[in-house]
Amino acid sequence: MLDALARLTAREREVLERMAQGLTNASIAQALHVSQSAVEKHVNSLFDKLGLSHTNGYSRRVLAVLWVAYSKGNKSGVPSLTGSSTKTGIWRSVLRW
């Protein structure tokens, strides 16, 4: 299975890194010298690539950051972000981590 992080472009990884720092889209745009619209496109693209397109009731920004943190701490694999128990599973995985 192709690692989802490997599918991110360099710019998407830069955006995700700044999301992890707690920056807003406007602040990310300023830091990267791009438009806020460009940041929003990168954010939506990285959500799609990380399987976070449809996460009703959950903050996709928080899940993306936790997903990355979890994946870096768990070299044996990353939890699936698909299926009915995705949200519960990732939170339990992160809490165990």
C-alpha atoms as a PDB file:
ATOM      1  CA  MET A   1       0.000   0.000   0.000  1.00  0.00           C
ATOM      2  CA  LEU A   2       1.328   3.410  -0.984  1.00  0.00           C
ATOM      3  CA  ASP A   3       1.903   5.609   2.034  1.00  0.00           C
ATOM      4  CA  ALA A   4      -0.619   8.460   1.919  1.00  0.00           C
ATOM      5  CA  LEU A   5       2.007  10.985   2.995  1.00  0.00           C
ATOM      6  CA  ALA A   6       4.132  10.033   0.006  1.00  0.00           C
ATOM      7  CA  ARG A   7       1.232  11.041  -2.260  1.00  0.00           C
ATOM      8  CA  LEU A   8       1.294  14.605  -0.930  1.00  0.00           C
ATOM      9  CA  THR A   9       3.107  17.203  -2.987  1.00  0.00           C
ATOM     10  CA  ALA A  10       5.912  19.199  -1.401  1.00  0.00           C
ATOM     11  CA  ARG A  11       3.577  22.202  -1.124  1.00  0.00           C
ATOM     12  CA  GLU A  12       0.829  20.096   0.501  1.00  0.00           C
ATOM     13  CA  ARG A  13       3.370  18.876   3.062  1.00  0.00           C
ATOM     14  CA  GLU A  14       4.380  22.489   3.761  1.00  0.00           C
ATOM     15  CA  VAL A  15       0.731  23.419   4.261  1.00  0.00           C
ATOM     16  CA  LEU A  16       0.143  20.419   6.526  1.00  0.00           C
ATOM     17  CA  GLU A  17       3.218  21.292   8.592  1.00  0.00           C
ATOM     18  CA  ARG A  18       1.879  24.783   9.154  1.00  0.00           C
ATOM     19  CA  MET A  19      -1.574  23.399   9.963  1.00  0.00           C
ATOM     20  CA  ALA A  20       0.153  21.328  12.644  1.00  0.00           C
ATOM     21  CA  GLN A  21       1.606  24.562  14.019  1.00  0.00           C
ATOM     22  CA  GLY A  22      -1.952  25.854  14.418  1.00  0.00           C
ATOM     23  CA  LEU A  23      -1.844  28.436  11.634  1.00  0.00           C
ATOM     24  CA  THR A  24      -5.003  29.561   9.857  1.00  0.00           C
ATOM     25  CA  ASN A  25      -5.280  29.423   6.071  1.00  0.00           C
ATOM     26  CA  ALA A  26      -4.641  33.173   5.926  1.00  0.00           C
ATOM     27  CA  SER A  27      -1.479  32.822   8.029  1.00  0.00           C
ATOM     28  CA  ILE A  28      -0.289  29.880   5.948  1.00  0.00           C
ATOM     29  CA  ALA A  29      -0.833  31.904   2.773  1.00  0.00           C
ATOM     30  CA  GLN A  30       1.218  34.756   4.172  1.00  0.00           C
ATOM     31  CA  ALA A  31       4.031  32.462   5.319  1.00  0.00           C
ATOM     32  CA  LEU A  32       4.230  30.673   1.955  1.00  0.00           C
ATOM     33  CA  HIS A  33       3.704  33.824  -0.123  1.00  0.00           C
ATOM     34  CA  VAL A  34       0.659  32.419  -1.930  1.00  0.00           C
ATOM     35  CA  SER A  35      -3.012  33.353  -2.046  1.00  0.00           C
ATOM     36  CA  GLN A  36      -5.467  32.112   0.544  1.00  0.00           C
ATOM     37  CA  SER A  37      -7.363  30.447  -2.309  1.00  0.00           C
ATOM     38  CA  ALA A  38      -4.227  28.463  -3.196  1.00  0.00           C
ATOM     39  CA  VAL A  39      -3.900  27.316   0.418  1.00  0.00           C
ATOM     40  CA  GLU A  40      -7.555  26.238   0.473  1.00  0.00           C
ATOM     41  CA  LYS A  41      -6.975  24.158  -2.674  1.00  0.00           C
ATOM     42  CA  HIS A  42      -3.905  22.515  -1.119  1.00  0.00           C
ATOM     43  CA  VAL A  43      -5.798  21.816   2.111  1.00  0.00           C
ATOM     44  CA  ASN A  44      -8.706  20.193   0.253  1.00  0.00           C
ATOM     45  CA  SER A  45      -6.312  18.152  -1.864  1.00  0.00           C
ATOM     46  CA  LEU A  46      -4.410  16.860   1.145  1.00  0.00           C
ATOM     47  CA  PHE A  47      -7.697  16.003   2.880  1.00  0.00           C
ATOM     48  CA  ASP A  48      -8.640  13.918  -0.164  1.00  0.00           C
ATOM     49  CA  LYS A  49      -5.255  12.184  -0.275  1.00  0.00           C
ATOM     50  CA  LEU A  50      -5.409  11.385   3.446  1.00  0.00           C
ATOM     51  CA  GLY A  51      -8.946  10.018   3.092  1.00  0.00           C
ATOM     52  CA  LEU A  52     -10.522  12.844   5.072  1.00  0.00           C
ATOM     53  CA  SER A  53     -13.016  14.008   2.461  1.00  0.00           C
ATOM     54  CA  HIS A  54     -16.093  13.027   4.438  1.00  0.00           C
ATOM     55  CA  THR A  55     -15.688  13.310   8.200  1.00  0.00           C
ATOM     56  CA  ASN A  56     -18.979  14.699   9.456  1.00  0.00           C
ATOM     57  CA  GLY A  57     -18.790  15.962  12.993  1.00  0.00           C
ATOM     58  CA  TYR A  58     -14.986  15.941  13.169  1.00  0.00           C
ATOM     59  CA  SER A  59     -12.382  18.594  12.433  1.00  0.00           C
ATOM     60  CA  ARG A  60     -10.513  17.439   9.346  1.00  0.00           C
ATOM     61  CA  ARG A  61      -7.620  19.742  10.259  1.00  0.00           C
ATOM     62  CA  VAL A  62      -7.211  18.056  13.640  1.00  0.00           C
ATOM     63  CA  LEU A  63      -7.589  14.565  12.157  1.00  0.00           C
ATOM     64  CA  ALA A  64      -4.971  15.320   9.488  1.00  0.00           C
ATOM     65  CA  VAL A  65      -2.468  16.536  12.071  1.00  0.00           C
ATOM     66  CA  LEU A  66      -3.157  13.588  14.383  1.00  0.00           C
ATOM     67  CA  TRP A  67      -2.916  11.195  11.460  1.00  0.00           C
ATOM     68  CA  VAL A  68       0.546  12.507  10.603  1.00  0.00           C
ATOM     69  CA  ALA A  69       1.661  12.437  14.231  1.00  0.00           C
ATOM     70  CA  TYR A  70       0.401   8.876  14.586  1.00  0.00           C
ATOM     71  CA  SER A  71       2.034   7.729  11.349  1.00  0.00           C
ATOM     72  CA  LYS A  72       5.403   9.116  12.431  1.00  0.00           C
ATOM     73  CA  GLY A  73       5.176   7.278  15.743  1.00  0.00           C
ATOM     74  CA  ASN A  74       3.944   4.012  14.264  1.00  0.00           C
ATOM     75  CA  LYS A  75       6.386   2.762  11.644  1.00  0.00           C
ATOM     76  CA  SER A  76       4.511  -0.544  11.274  1.00  0.00           C
ATOM     77  CA  GLY A  77       1.521   1.090   9.644  1.00  0.00           C
ATOM     78  CA  VAL A  78      -1.029   3.857   9.651  1.00  0.00           C
ATOM     79  CA  PRO A  79      -4.655   3.366  10.663  1.00  0.00           C
ATOM     80  CA  SER A  80      -7.145   3.285   7.836  1.00  0.00           C
ATOM     81  CA  LEU A  81      -9.217   6.420   7.496  1.00  0.00           C
ATOM     82  CA  THR A  82     -12.041   4.660   5.704  1.00  0.00           C
ATOM     83  CA  GLY A  83     -14.912   2.580   7.009  1.00  0.00           C
ATOM     84  CA  SER A  84     -17.613   3.076   9.583  1.00  0.00           C
ATOM     85  CA  SER A  85     -15.365   3.024  12.657  1.00  0.00           C
ATOM     86  CA  THR A  86     -12.718   5.356  11.224  1.00  0.00           C
ATOM     87  CA  LYS A  87     -13.134   8.207  13.661  1.00  0.00           C
ATOM     88  CA  THR A  88     -13.365   6.008  16.738  1.00  0.00           C
ATOM     89  CA  GLY A  89     -10.467   3.883  15.530  1.00  0.00           C
ATOM     90  CA  ILE A  90      -8.085   6.742  14.848  1.00  0.00           C
ATOM     91  CA  TRP A  91      -8.846   8.437  18.174  1.00  0.00           C
ATOM     92  CA  ARG A  92      -8.268   5.163  20.045  1.00  0.00           C
ATOM     93  CA  SER A  93      -5.061   4.592  18.071  1.00  0.00           C
ATOM     94  CA  VAL A  94      -3.785   8.067  18.833  1.00  0.00           C
ATOM     95  CA  LEU A  95      -4.670   7.757  22.515  1.00  0.00           C
ATOM     96  CA  ARG A  96      -2.818   4.396  22.708  1.00  0.00           C
ATOM     97  CA  TRP A  97       0.151   5.955  20.927  1.00  0.00           C
END
